[in-house]
Amino acid sequence: MKILLVYNNFAGNGRAKNNLPLVEGLLIKNNIDFDLALTDYHEHGIKIVSDADFSKYGGIVAAGGDGTLFEVINGYFKNTSEKRIPIGILPVGTGNAFARDLELDNAKIEEAIEIIGKGKLRKVDVGKFVTHGEDYYFLNILGAGFVADANKTAQKFKLFGNFSYIIGVLYRILVLKFTTLRLEIDGEKLEVESTFIEVSNTRYTGADFLMAPNAEIDDGLLDITLVKTISRKNLVKGLFKIFTGEHIHLDEIDTYKAKHIKIDSDEPKVLTPDGELLGITPVEISCLKHAIEVFWK
């Protein structure tokens, strides 16, 4: 089998670059032929995959973090090749939320490559969102409100790795704001004062946040975590509970499962799909059931 290896050397604060010789050696050991495509700039992965000739490969492997996988999946749906091929995950980045739902992390590089070599596949769902006439896709999450604002702040502190998001969260707690959201969840309309909303395909957000503990990546549904108005004190309590998924039991939090969601707000709110900052409300989100195949055990 031959794969297209889309590799982000900058992932994991440079750790991915140090791991590249190991990755290449393990691919050879597992009899996996590969073309190496290094991403040189933001969104380069989208271009690499959208321009690729899928007929030459048995799969595409996203090697990096959640951002690399986001670029690969968006390039995948832009690609016009008639042949559709599976996607492999090589978690060498900082946040590997989708990989965690496949029971992988950046300590399991060898296992991840062995899984690709075995060629066993699993169909999984993809989230699609439309913002201002543009289509995009995600495998992990799409957030708006506090979570997106915290991520925007965290981008300024990426040097600190996973801790950068903690910095963003702490700052946004200090300047806590609420937004009126108008939602449509599988046809049911509601209006609510909200701290944030997160739409999840996976259980985890980032490296450690168990945002949607009941999410499944192949059930044809997206999980919604809606945090209504909440005090700073209870928000901090909730953030500690998020590591175990117990936050969903708080009175200020509602959860839903849905195939189709619309989100609008009084003022445009930035969106954060898979840790990126892309698009603003209003946004329309849908679940594409079993839209891709991934290499799995």
C-alpha atoms as a PDB file:
ATOM      1  CA  MET A   1       0.000   0.000   0.000  1.00  0.00           C
ATOM      2  CA  LYS A   2       1.113   3.521  -0.769  1.00  0.00           C
ATOM      3  CA  ILE A   3      -0.047   6.529   1.248  1.00  0.00           C
ATOM      4  CA  LEU A   4       0.177  10.291   0.988  1.00  0.00           C
ATOM      5  CA  LEU A   5       1.749  11.424   4.274  1.00  0.00           C
ATOM      6  CA  VAL A   6       0.729  15.011   5.029  1.00  0.00           C
ATOM      7  CA  TYR A   7       3.210  15.950   7.738  1.00  0.00           C
ATOM      8  CA  ASN A   8       3.224  19.112   9.843  1.00  0.00           C
ATOM      9  CA  ASN A   9       6.808  19.619  11.028  1.00  0.00           C
ATOM     10  CA  PHE A  10       5.669  22.468  13.273  1.00  0.00           C
ATOM     11  CA  ALA A  11       3.149  20.403  15.236  1.00  0.00           C
ATOM     12  CA  GLY A  12       3.692  19.784  18.934  1.00  0.00           C
ATOM     13  CA  ASN A  13       5.939  22.865  19.198  1.00  0.00           C
ATOM     14  CA  GLY A  14       8.496  21.211  16.922  1.00  0.00           C
ATOM     15  CA  ARG A  15       8.242  17.736  18.437  1.00  0.00           C
ATOM     16  CA  ALA A  16       6.829  16.436  15.152  1.00  0.00           C
ATOM     17  CA  LYS A  17       9.991  17.456  13.289  1.00  0.00           C
ATOM     18  CA  ASN A  18      12.128  15.469  15.716  1.00  0.00           C
ATOM     19  CA  ASN A  19       9.850  12.449  15.262  1.00  0.00           C
ATOM     20  CA  LEU A  20       9.977  12.424  11.454  1.00  0.00           C
ATOM     21  CA  PRO A  21      12.956  10.008  11.138  1.00  0.00           C
ATOM     22  CA  LEU A  22      11.194   7.640  13.557  1.00  0.00           C
ATOM     23  CA  VAL A  23       7.956   7.870  11.567  1.00  0.00           C
ATOM     24  CA  GLU A  24       9.714   7.174   8.259  1.00  0.00           C
ATOM     25  CA  GLY A  25      11.513   4.194   9.750  1.00  0.00           C
ATOM     26  CA  LEU A  26       8.309   2.723  11.165  1.00  0.00           C
ATOM     27  CA  LEU A  27       6.496   3.129   7.842  1.00  0.00           C
ATOM     28  CA  ILE A  28       9.264   1.226   6.080  1.00  0.00           C
ATOM     29  CA  LYS A  29       9.232  -1.439   8.822  1.00  0.00           C
ATOM     30  CA  ASN A  30       5.489  -1.934   8.256  1.00  0.00           C
ATOM     31  CA  ASN A  31       5.903  -2.166   4.462  1.00  0.00           C
ATOM     32  CA  ILE A  32       4.041   1.083   3.824  1.00  0.00           C
ATOM     33  CA  ASP A  33       5.229   3.007   0.771  1.00  0.00           C
ATOM     34  CA  PHE A  34       4.686   6.752   1.052  1.00  0.00           C
ATOM     35  CA  ASP A  35       4.997  10.143  -0.554  1.00  0.00           C
ATOM     36  CA  LEU A  36       5.996  12.744   2.044  1.00  0.00           C
ATOM     37  CA  ALA A  37       4.304  16.146   1.771  1.00  0.00           C
ATOM     38  CA  LEU A  38       5.476  18.669   4.371  1.00  0.00           C
ATOM     39  CA  THR A  39       3.117  21.534   5.208  1.00  0.00           C
ATOM     40  CA  ASP A  40       5.001  24.821   4.979  1.00  0.00           C
ATOM     41  CA  TYR A  41       2.324  27.346   5.919  1.00  0.00           C
ATOM     42  CA  HIS A  42      -1.169  27.685   7.381  1.00  0.00           C
ATOM     43  CA  GLU A  43      -3.773  25.855   5.238  1.00  0.00           C
ATOM     44  CA  HIS A  44      -1.047  24.289   3.066  1.00  0.00           C
ATOM     45  CA  GLY A  45      -2.498  20.890   3.977  1.00  0.00           C
ATOM     46  CA  ILE A  46      -5.796  21.859   2.312  1.00  0.00           C
ATOM     47  CA  LYS A  47      -4.019  22.577  -0.981  1.00  0.00           C
ATOM     48  CA  ILE A  48      -1.863  19.430  -0.813  1.00  0.00           C
ATOM     49  CA  VAL A  49      -4.857  17.152  -0.360  1.00  0.00           C
ATOM     50  CA  SER A  50      -7.245  18.982  -2.691  1.00  0.00           C
ATOM     51  CA  ASP A  51      -4.657  18.791  -5.506  1.00  0.00           C
ATOM     52  CA  ALA A  52      -3.658  15.150  -4.893  1.00  0.00           C
ATOM     53  CA  ASP A  53      -4.441  12.344  -7.346  1.00  0.00           C
ATOM     54  CA  PHE A  54      -6.270   9.893  -5.100  1.00  0.00           C
ATOM     55  CA  SER A  55      -5.931   7.121  -7.703  1.00  0.00           C
ATOM     56  CA  LYS A  56      -2.225   6.852  -6.792  1.00  0.00           C
ATOM     57  CA  TYR A  57      -2.835   6.084  -3.117  1.00  0.00           C
ATOM     58  CA  GLY A  58      -4.461   3.645  -0.752  1.00  0.00           C
ATOM     59  CA  GLY A  59      -4.901   6.332   1.877  1.00  0.00           C
ATOM     60  CA  ILE A  60      -3.988   9.774   3.212  1.00  0.00           C
ATOM     61  CA  VAL A  61      -2.360  10.150   6.624  1.00  0.00           C
ATOM     62  CA  ALA A  62      -2.666  13.370   8.627  1.00  0.00           C
ATOM     63  CA  ALA A  63       0.442  13.682  10.788  1.00  0.00           C
ATOM     64  CA  GLY A  64       0.176  16.568  13.238  1.00  0.00           C
ATOM     65  CA  GLY A  65      -2.515  17.769  15.612  1.00  0.00           C
ATOM     66  CA  ASP A  66      -6.172  18.682  15.259  1.00  0.00           C
ATOM     67  CA  GLY A  67      -5.331  21.616  12.978  1.00  0.00           C
ATOM     68  CA  THR A  68      -3.504  19.350  10.515  1.00  0.00           C
ATOM     69  CA  LEU A  69      -6.420  16.928  10.465  1.00  0.00           C
ATOM     70  CA  PHE A  70      -8.806  19.847   9.877  1.00  0.00           C
ATOM     71  CA  GLU A  71      -6.789  20.883   6.827  1.00  0.00           C
ATOM     72  CA  VAL A  72      -6.633  17.323   5.500  1.00  0.00           C
ATOM     73  CA  ILE A  73     -10.389  16.756   5.840  1.00  0.00           C
ATOM     74  CA  ASN A  74     -11.193  20.070   4.131  1.00  0.00           C
ATOM     75  CA  GLY A  75      -8.768  19.315   1.307  1.00  0.00           C
ATOM     76  CA  TYR A  76     -10.342  15.856   1.038  1.00  0.00           C
ATOM     77  CA  PHE A  77     -13.808  17.268   0.352  1.00  0.00           C
ATOM     78  CA  LYS A  78     -12.426  19.796  -2.130  1.00  0.00           C
ATOM     79  CA  ASN A  79     -10.663  17.032  -4.088  1.00  0.00           C
ATOM     80  CA  THR A  80     -12.439  16.075  -7.326  1.00  0.00           C
ATOM     81  CA  SER A  81     -10.882  12.603  -7.742  1.00  0.00           C
ATOM     82  CA  GLU A  82     -13.477   9.959  -8.498  1.00  0.00           C
ATOM     83  CA  LYS A  83     -11.769   7.474  -6.161  1.00  0.00           C
ATOM     84  CA  ARG A  84     -12.362   7.980  -2.436  1.00  0.00           C
ATOM     85  CA  ILE A  85      -9.660   6.755  -0.060  1.00  0.00           C
ATOM     86  CA  PRO A  86      -9.431   6.311   3.730  1.00  0.00           C
ATOM     87  CA  ILE A  87      -7.732   8.687   6.140  1.00  0.00           C
ATOM     88  CA  GLY A  88      -5.127   7.708   8.704  1.00  0.00           C
ATOM     89  CA  ILE A  89      -4.298   9.582  11.897  1.00  0.00           C
ATOM     90  CA  LEU A  90      -0.747   9.992  13.160  1.00  0.00           C
ATOM     91  CA  PRO A  91      -0.958  11.999  16.416  1.00  0.00           C
ATOM     92  CA  VAL A  92       2.266  13.991  16.650  1.00  0.00           C
ATOM     93  CA  GLY A  93       0.719  17.349  17.585  1.00  0.00           C
ATOM     94  CA  THR A  94      -0.344  19.177  20.733  1.00  0.00           C
ATOM     95  CA  GLY A  95      -4.067  18.489  20.597  1.00  0.00           C
ATOM     96  CA  ASN A  96      -5.202  15.149  19.201  1.00  0.00           C
ATOM     97  CA  ALA A  97      -8.905  15.013  20.089  1.00  0.00           C
ATOM     98  CA  PHE A  98     -10.035  12.831  17.199  1.00  0.00           C
ATOM     99  CA  ALA A  99      -7.114  10.475  17.766  1.00  0.00           C
ATOM    100  CA  ARG A 100      -8.218  10.069  21.400  1.00  0.00           C
ATOM    101  CA  ASP A 101     -11.590   8.784  20.209  1.00  0.00           C
ATOM    102  CA  LEU A 102      -9.590   6.186  18.269  1.00  0.00           C
ATOM    103  CA  GLU A 103      -7.735   5.391  21.521  1.00  0.00           C
ATOM    104  CA  LEU A 104      -4.513   6.929  20.246  1.00  0.00           C
ATOM    105  CA  ASP A 105      -2.240   9.698  21.517  1.00  0.00           C
ATOM    106  CA  ASN A 106       1.222  11.065  20.756  1.00  0.00           C
ATOM    107  CA  ALA A 107       2.815   8.307  22.834  1.00  0.00           C
ATOM    108  CA  LYS A 108       1.424   5.683  20.436  1.00  0.00           C
ATOM    109  CA  ILE A 109       3.126   6.555  17.146  1.00  0.00           C
ATOM    110  CA  GLU A 110       4.203   2.977  16.510  1.00  0.00           C
ATOM    111  CA  GLU A 111       0.701   1.629  17.187  1.00  0.00           C
ATOM    112  CA  ALA A 112      -0.862   4.260  14.915  1.00  0.00           C
ATOM    113  CA  ILE A 113       1.411   3.215  12.039  1.00  0.00           C
ATOM    114  CA  GLU A 114       0.747  -0.481  12.651  1.00  0.00           C
ATOM    115  CA  ILE A 115      -2.986   0.243  12.409  1.00  0.00           C
ATOM    116  CA  ILE A 116      -2.482   1.917   9.019  1.00  0.00           C
ATOM    117  CA  GLY A 117      -0.407  -1.030   7.830  1.00  0.00           C
ATOM    118  CA  LYS A 118      -3.141  -3.539   8.685  1.00  0.00           C
ATOM    119  CA  GLY A 119      -5.595  -1.658   6.459  1.00  0.00           C
ATOM    120  CA  LYS A 120      -8.705  -2.272   8.555  1.00  0.00           C
ATOM    121  CA  LEU A 121     -11.291   0.484   8.103  1.00  0.00           C
ATOM    122  CA  ARG A 122     -14.111   2.107  10.068  1.00  0.00           C
ATOM    123  CA  LYS A 123     -16.750   4.514   8.757  1.00  0.00           C
ATOM    124  CA  VAL A 124     -17.090   7.718  10.804  1.00  0.00           C
ATOM    125  CA  ASP A 125     -19.201  10.864  10.734  1.00  0.00           C
ATOM    126  CA  VAL A 126     -18.086  14.287   9.532  1.00  0.00           C
ATOM    127  CA  GLY A 127     -19.457  17.649  10.626  1.00  0.00           C
ATOM    128  CA  LYS A 128     -20.198  20.142   7.858  1.00  0.00           C
ATOM    129  CA  PHE A 129     -20.748  23.836   8.504  1.00  0.00           C
ATOM    130  CA  VAL A 130     -21.735  26.694   6.243  1.00  0.00           C
ATOM    131  CA  THR A 131     -20.764  30.230   7.182  1.00  0.00           C
ATOM    132  CA  HIS A 132     -21.451  33.140   4.824  1.00  0.00           C
ATOM    133  CA  GLY A 133     -21.884  30.854   1.833  1.00  0.00           C
ATOM    134  CA  GLU A 134     -18.668  28.862   2.333  1.00  0.00           C
ATOM    135  CA  ASP A 135     -18.631  25.132   3.145  1.00  0.00           C
ATOM    136  CA  TYR A 136     -16.191  23.668   5.660  1.00  0.00           C
ATOM    137  CA  TYR A 137     -15.823  20.336   7.428  1.00  0.00           C
ATOM    138  CA  PHE A 138     -14.691  19.187  10.873  1.00  0.00           C
ATOM    139  CA  LEU A 139     -14.070  15.896  12.637  1.00  0.00           C
ATOM    140  CA  ASN A 140     -13.856  17.130  16.227  1.00  0.00           C
ATOM    141  CA  ILE A 141     -15.787  20.216  17.324  1.00  0.00           C
ATOM    142  CA  LEU A 142     -17.192  23.584  16.376  1.00  0.00           C
ATOM    143  CA  GLY A 143     -17.533  26.174  19.130  1.00  0.00           C
ATOM    144  CA  ALA A 144     -18.732  29.751  19.552  1.00  0.00           C
ATOM    145  CA  GLY A 145     -18.717  32.148  22.472  1.00  0.00           C
ATOM    146  CA  PHE A 146     -16.418  31.652  25.467  1.00  0.00           C
ATOM    147  CA  VAL A 147     -14.601  28.632  23.951  1.00  0.00           C
ATOM    148  CA  ALA A 148     -13.810  30.468  20.726  1.00  0.00           C
ATOM    149  CA  ASP A 149     -12.779  33.637  22.560  1.00  0.00           C
ATOM    150  CA  ALA A 150     -10.494  31.607  24.856  1.00  0.00           C
ATOM    151  CA  ASN A 151      -8.942  29.959  21.812  1.00  0.00           C
ATOM    152  CA  LYS A 152      -8.397  33.350  20.197  1.00  0.00           C
ATOM    153  CA  THR A 153      -6.507  34.496  23.307  1.00  0.00           C
ATOM    154  CA  ALA A 154      -4.604  31.186  23.475  1.00  0.00           C
ATOM    155  CA  GLN A 155      -3.218  31.712  19.956  1.00  0.00           C
ATOM    156  CA  LYS A 156      -1.030  34.462  21.393  1.00  0.00           C
ATOM    157  CA  PHE A 157       0.553  31.995  23.841  1.00  0.00           C
ATOM    158  CA  LYS A 158       1.078  28.904  21.642  1.00  0.00           C
ATOM    159  CA  LEU A 159       4.675  28.761  22.824  1.00  0.00           C
ATOM    160  CA  PHE A 160       3.334  27.284  26.079  1.00  0.00           C
ATOM    161  CA  GLY A 161       1.717  24.284  24.350  1.00  0.00           C
ATOM    162  CA  ASN A 162      -1.416  22.883  26.063  1.00  0.00           C
ATOM    163  CA  PHE A 163      -1.063  25.505  28.832  1.00  0.00           C
ATOM    164  CA  SER A 164      -1.799  28.255  26.297  1.00  0.00           C
ATOM    165  CA  TYR A 165      -5.484  27.322  26.324  1.00  0.00           C
ATOM    166  CA  ILE A 166      -5.544  27.497  30.131  1.00  0.00           C
ATOM    167  CA  ILE A 167      -4.203  31.042  29.845  1.00  0.00           C
ATOM    168  CA  GLY A 168      -6.944  31.877  27.351  1.00  0.00           C
ATOM    169  CA  VAL A 169      -9.613  30.404  29.621  1.00  0.00           C
ATOM    170  CA  LEU A 170      -8.430  32.306  32.693  1.00  0.00           C
ATOM    171  CA  TYR A 171      -8.374  35.607  30.827  1.00  0.00           C
ATOM    172  CA  ARG A 172     -11.854  35.080  29.406  1.00  0.00           C
ATOM    173  CA  ILE A 173     -13.207  34.256  32.866  1.00  0.00           C
ATOM    174  CA  LEU A 174     -12.029  37.670  34.023  1.00  0.00           C
ATOM    175  CA  VAL A 175     -13.856  39.409  31.160  1.00  0.00           C
ATOM    176  CA  LEU A 176     -16.819  37.014  31.080  1.00  0.00           C
ATOM    177  CA  LYS A 177     -19.559  37.957  28.608  1.00  0.00           C
ATOM    178  CA  PHE A 178     -22.904  36.443  27.598  1.00  0.00           C
ATOM    179  CA  THR A 179     -24.488  36.341  24.161  1.00  0.00           C
ATOM    180  CA  THR A 180     -28.074  35.928  22.995  1.00  0.00           C
ATOM    181  CA  LEU A 181     -28.153  32.891  20.726  1.00  0.00           C
ATOM    182  CA  ARG A 182     -30.997  31.927  18.427  1.00  0.00           C
ATOM    183  CA  LEU A 183     -30.822  28.196  17.829  1.00  0.00           C
ATOM    184  CA  GLU A 184     -32.612  25.687  15.669  1.00  0.00           C
ATOM    185  CA  ILE A 185     -31.900  22.077  16.702  1.00  0.00           C
ATOM    186  CA  ASP A 186     -33.460  19.545  14.318  1.00  0.00           C
ATOM    187  CA  GLY A 187     -36.279  22.007  13.670  1.00  0.00           C
ATOM    188  CA  GLU A 188     -36.852  23.024  17.306  1.00  0.00           C
ATOM    189  CA  LYS A 189     -36.246  26.742  17.828  1.00  0.00           C
ATOM    190  CA  LEU A 190     -35.072  28.395  21.038  1.00  0.00           C
ATOM    191  CA  GLU A 191     -33.485  31.646  22.172  1.00  0.00           C
ATOM    192  CA  VAL A 192     -31.126  31.672  25.129  1.00  0.00           C
ATOM    193  CA  GLU A 193     -28.593  33.854  26.898  1.00  0.00           C
ATOM    194  CA  SER A 194     -25.426  31.811  26.576  1.00  0.00           C
ATOM    195  CA  THR A 195     -21.823  31.678  27.717  1.00  0.00           C
ATOM    196  CA  PHE A 196     -20.883  29.336  24.907  1.00  0.00           C
ATOM    197  CA  ILE A 197     -22.044  26.546  22.653  1.00  0.00           C
ATOM    198  CA  GLU A 198     -19.965  23.634  21.444  1.00  0.00           C
ATOM    199  CA  VAL A 199     -21.027  21.161  18.763  1.00  0.00           C
ATOM    200  CA  SER A 200     -19.047  17.928  19.062  1.00  0.00           C
ATOM    201  CA  ASN A 201     -18.453  14.912  16.873  1.00  0.00           C
ATOM    202  CA  THR A 202     -15.834  13.564  19.293  1.00  0.00           C
ATOM    203  CA  ARG A 203     -15.857  13.136  23.055  1.00  0.00           C
ATOM    204  CA  TYR A 204     -12.716  15.206  23.643  1.00  0.00           C
ATOM    205  CA  THR A 205     -11.796  18.805  22.899  1.00  0.00           C
ATOM    206  CA  GLY A 206      -8.062  19.499  22.659  1.00  0.00           C
ATOM    207  CA  ALA A 207      -5.862  17.215  24.681  1.00  0.00           C
ATOM    208  CA  ASP A 208      -7.773  16.687  27.925  1.00  0.00           C
ATOM    209  CA  PHE A 209     -11.233  18.292  27.947  1.00  0.00           C
ATOM    210  CA  LEU A 210     -14.001  15.642  27.949  1.00  0.00           C
ATOM    211  CA  MET A 211     -16.502  18.102  26.507  1.00  0.00           C
ATOM    212  CA  ALA A 212     -19.069  15.636  25.160  1.00  0.00           C
ATOM    213  CA  PRO A 213     -18.746  12.394  27.160  1.00  0.00           C
ATOM    214  CA  ASN A 214     -21.701  10.772  25.346  1.00  0.00           C
ATOM    215  CA  ALA A 215     -20.558  11.574  21.808  1.00  0.00           C
ATOM    216  CA  GLU A 216     -19.946   8.809  19.278  1.00  0.00           C
ATOM    217  CA  ILE A 217     -18.063   9.342  16.036  1.00  0.00           C
ATOM    218  CA  ASP A 218     -20.288   7.028  14.004  1.00  0.00           C
ATOM    219  CA  ASP A 219     -23.862   7.471  15.314  1.00  0.00           C
ATOM    220  CA  GLY A 220     -24.985  10.008  12.707  1.00  0.00           C
ATOM    221  CA  LEU A 221     -25.491  12.683  15.377  1.00  0.00           C
ATOM    222  CA  LEU A 222     -23.611  15.682  16.731  1.00  0.00           C
ATOM    223  CA  ASP A 223     -23.566  16.390  20.475  1.00  0.00           C
ATOM    224  CA  ILE A 224     -24.371  19.925  21.630  1.00  0.00           C
ATOM    225  CA  THR A 225     -23.109  21.394  24.891  1.00  0.00           C
ATOM    226  CA  LEU A 226     -24.924  24.637  25.641  1.00  0.00           C
ATOM    227  CA  VAL A 227     -23.736  26.670  28.623  1.00  0.00           C
ATOM    228  CA  LYS A 228     -26.321  29.260  29.650  1.00  0.00           C
ATOM    229  CA  THR A 229     -25.583  32.280  31.866  1.00  0.00           C
ATOM    230  CA  ILE A 230     -23.263  31.179  34.634  1.00  0.00           C
ATOM    231  CA  SER A 231     -21.353  32.877  37.434  1.00  0.00           C
ATOM    232  CA  ARG A 232     -17.568  33.024  37.348  1.00  0.00           C
ATOM    233  CA  LYS A 233     -17.481  30.777  40.417  1.00  0.00           C
ATOM    234  CA  ASN A 234     -19.639  28.079  38.829  1.00  0.00           C
ATOM    235  CA  LEU A 235     -17.822  28.401  35.516  1.00  0.00           C
ATOM    236  CA  VAL A 236     -14.534  27.623  37.269  1.00  0.00           C
ATOM    237  CA  LYS A 237     -16.191  24.640  38.994  1.00  0.00           C
ATOM    238  CA  GLY A 238     -17.430  23.475  35.629  1.00  0.00           C
ATOM    239  CA  LEU A 239     -13.992  23.754  34.079  1.00  0.00           C
ATOM    240  CA  PHE A 240     -12.575  21.422  36.718  1.00  0.00           C
ATOM    241  CA  LYS A 241     -15.411  18.965  36.066  1.00  0.00           C
ATOM    242  CA  ILE A 242     -14.792  19.024  32.309  1.00  0.00           C
ATOM    243  CA  PHE A 243     -11.780  16.724  32.688  1.00  0.00           C
ATOM    244  CA  THR A 244     -14.140  13.929  33.776  1.00  0.00           C
ATOM    245  CA  GLY A 245     -17.232  14.933  31.793  1.00  0.00           C
ATOM    246  CA  GLU A 246     -19.231  15.656  34.954  1.00  0.00           C
ATOM    247  CA  HIS A 247     -19.836  19.277  33.891  1.00  0.00           C
ATOM    248  CA  ILE A 248     -22.835  18.193  31.802  1.00  0.00           C
ATOM    249  CA  HIS A 249     -24.796  17.637  35.035  1.00  0.00           C
ATOM    250  CA  LEU A 250     -24.603  21.304  36.074  1.00  0.00           C
ATOM    251  CA  ASP A 251     -27.883  23.227  36.105  1.00  0.00           C
ATOM    252  CA  GLU A 252     -26.461  25.859  33.767  1.00  0.00           C
ATOM    253  CA  ILE A 253     -25.647  23.328  31.057  1.00  0.00           C
ATOM    254  CA  ASP A 254     -28.045  21.729  28.566  1.00  0.00           C
ATOM    255  CA  THR A 255     -27.044  18.937  26.181  1.00  0.00           C
ATOM    256  CA  TYR A 256     -28.645  17.743  22.967  1.00  0.00           C
ATOM    257  CA  LYS A 257     -28.018  15.317  20.119  1.00  0.00           C
ATOM    258  CA  ALA A 258     -28.950  16.436  16.618  1.00  0.00           C
ATOM    259  CA  LYS A 259     -28.383  15.970  12.897  1.00  0.00           C
ATOM    260  CA  HIS A 260     -28.845  19.622  11.958  1.00  0.00           C
ATOM    261  CA  ILE A 261     -28.173  22.829  13.906  1.00  0.00           C
ATOM    262  CA  LYS A 262     -28.467  26.526  13.097  1.00  0.00           C
ATOM    263  CA  ILE A 263     -26.812  29.173  15.286  1.00  0.00           C
ATOM    264  CA  ASP A 264     -27.344  32.916  15.042  1.00  0.00           C
ATOM    265  CA  SER A 265     -26.482  35.756  17.427  1.00  0.00           C
ATOM    266  CA  ASP A 266     -27.185  39.447  17.896  1.00  0.00           C
ATOM    267  CA  GLU A 267     -23.585  40.233  17.026  1.00  0.00           C
ATOM    268  CA  PRO A 268     -21.318  38.034  14.887  1.00  0.00           C
ATOM    269  CA  LYS A 269     -19.411  35.506  17.000  1.00  0.00           C
ATOM    270  CA  VAL A 270     -16.164  33.949  15.813  1.00  0.00           C
ATOM    271  CA  LEU A 271     -16.188  30.178  15.284  1.00  0.00           C
ATOM    272  CA  THR A 272     -13.535  27.694  16.333  1.00  0.00           C
ATOM    273  CA  PRO A 273     -13.666  24.471  14.298  1.00  0.00           C
ATOM    274  CA  ASP A 274     -11.114  21.882  15.480  1.00  0.00           C
ATOM    275  CA  GLY A 275      -9.095  24.541  17.287  1.00  0.00           C
ATOM    276  CA  GLU A 276      -8.913  26.872  14.282  1.00  0.00           C
ATOM    277  CA  LEU A 277     -10.454  30.350  14.102  1.00  0.00           C
ATOM    278  CA  LEU A 278     -12.602  30.340  10.996  1.00  0.00           C
ATOM    279  CA  GLY A 279     -15.967  31.868  10.168  1.00  0.00           C
ATOM    280  CA  ILE A 280     -18.590  33.751  12.156  1.00  0.00           C
ATOM    281  CA  THR A 281     -22.253  33.359  13.029  1.00  0.00           C
ATOM    282  CA  PRO A 282     -24.763  32.801  11.545  1.00  0.00           C
ATOM    283  CA  VAL A 283     -23.735  29.214  10.874  1.00  0.00           C
ATOM    284  CA  GLU A 284     -25.558  26.086   9.729  1.00  0.00           C
ATOM    285  CA  ILE A 285     -24.154  22.732  10.850  1.00  0.00           C
ATOM    286  CA  SER A 286     -25.037  19.209   9.757  1.00  0.00           C
ATOM    287  CA  CYS A 287     -23.806  15.700  10.448  1.00  0.00           C
ATOM    288  CA  LEU A 288     -22.693  13.670   7.421  1.00  0.00           C
ATOM    289  CA  LYS A 289     -23.167  10.107   8.618  1.00  0.00           C
ATOM    290  CA  HIS A 290     -20.333   7.692   7.734  1.00  0.00           C
ATOM    291  CA  ALA A 291     -18.938  10.218   5.240  1.00  0.00           C
ATOM    292  CA  ILE A 292     -15.350   8.946   5.385  1.00  0.00           C
ATOM    293  CA  GLU A 293     -13.421   5.834   6.309  1.00  0.00           C
ATOM    294  CA  VAL A 294     -10.498   5.906   8.719  1.00  0.00           C
ATOM    295  CA  PHE A 295      -7.842   3.295   9.428  1.00  0.00           C
ATOM    296  CA  TRP A 296      -8.769   1.578  12.669  1.00  0.00           C
ATOM    297  CA  LYS A 297      -7.983  -1.545  14.682  1.00  0.00           C
END
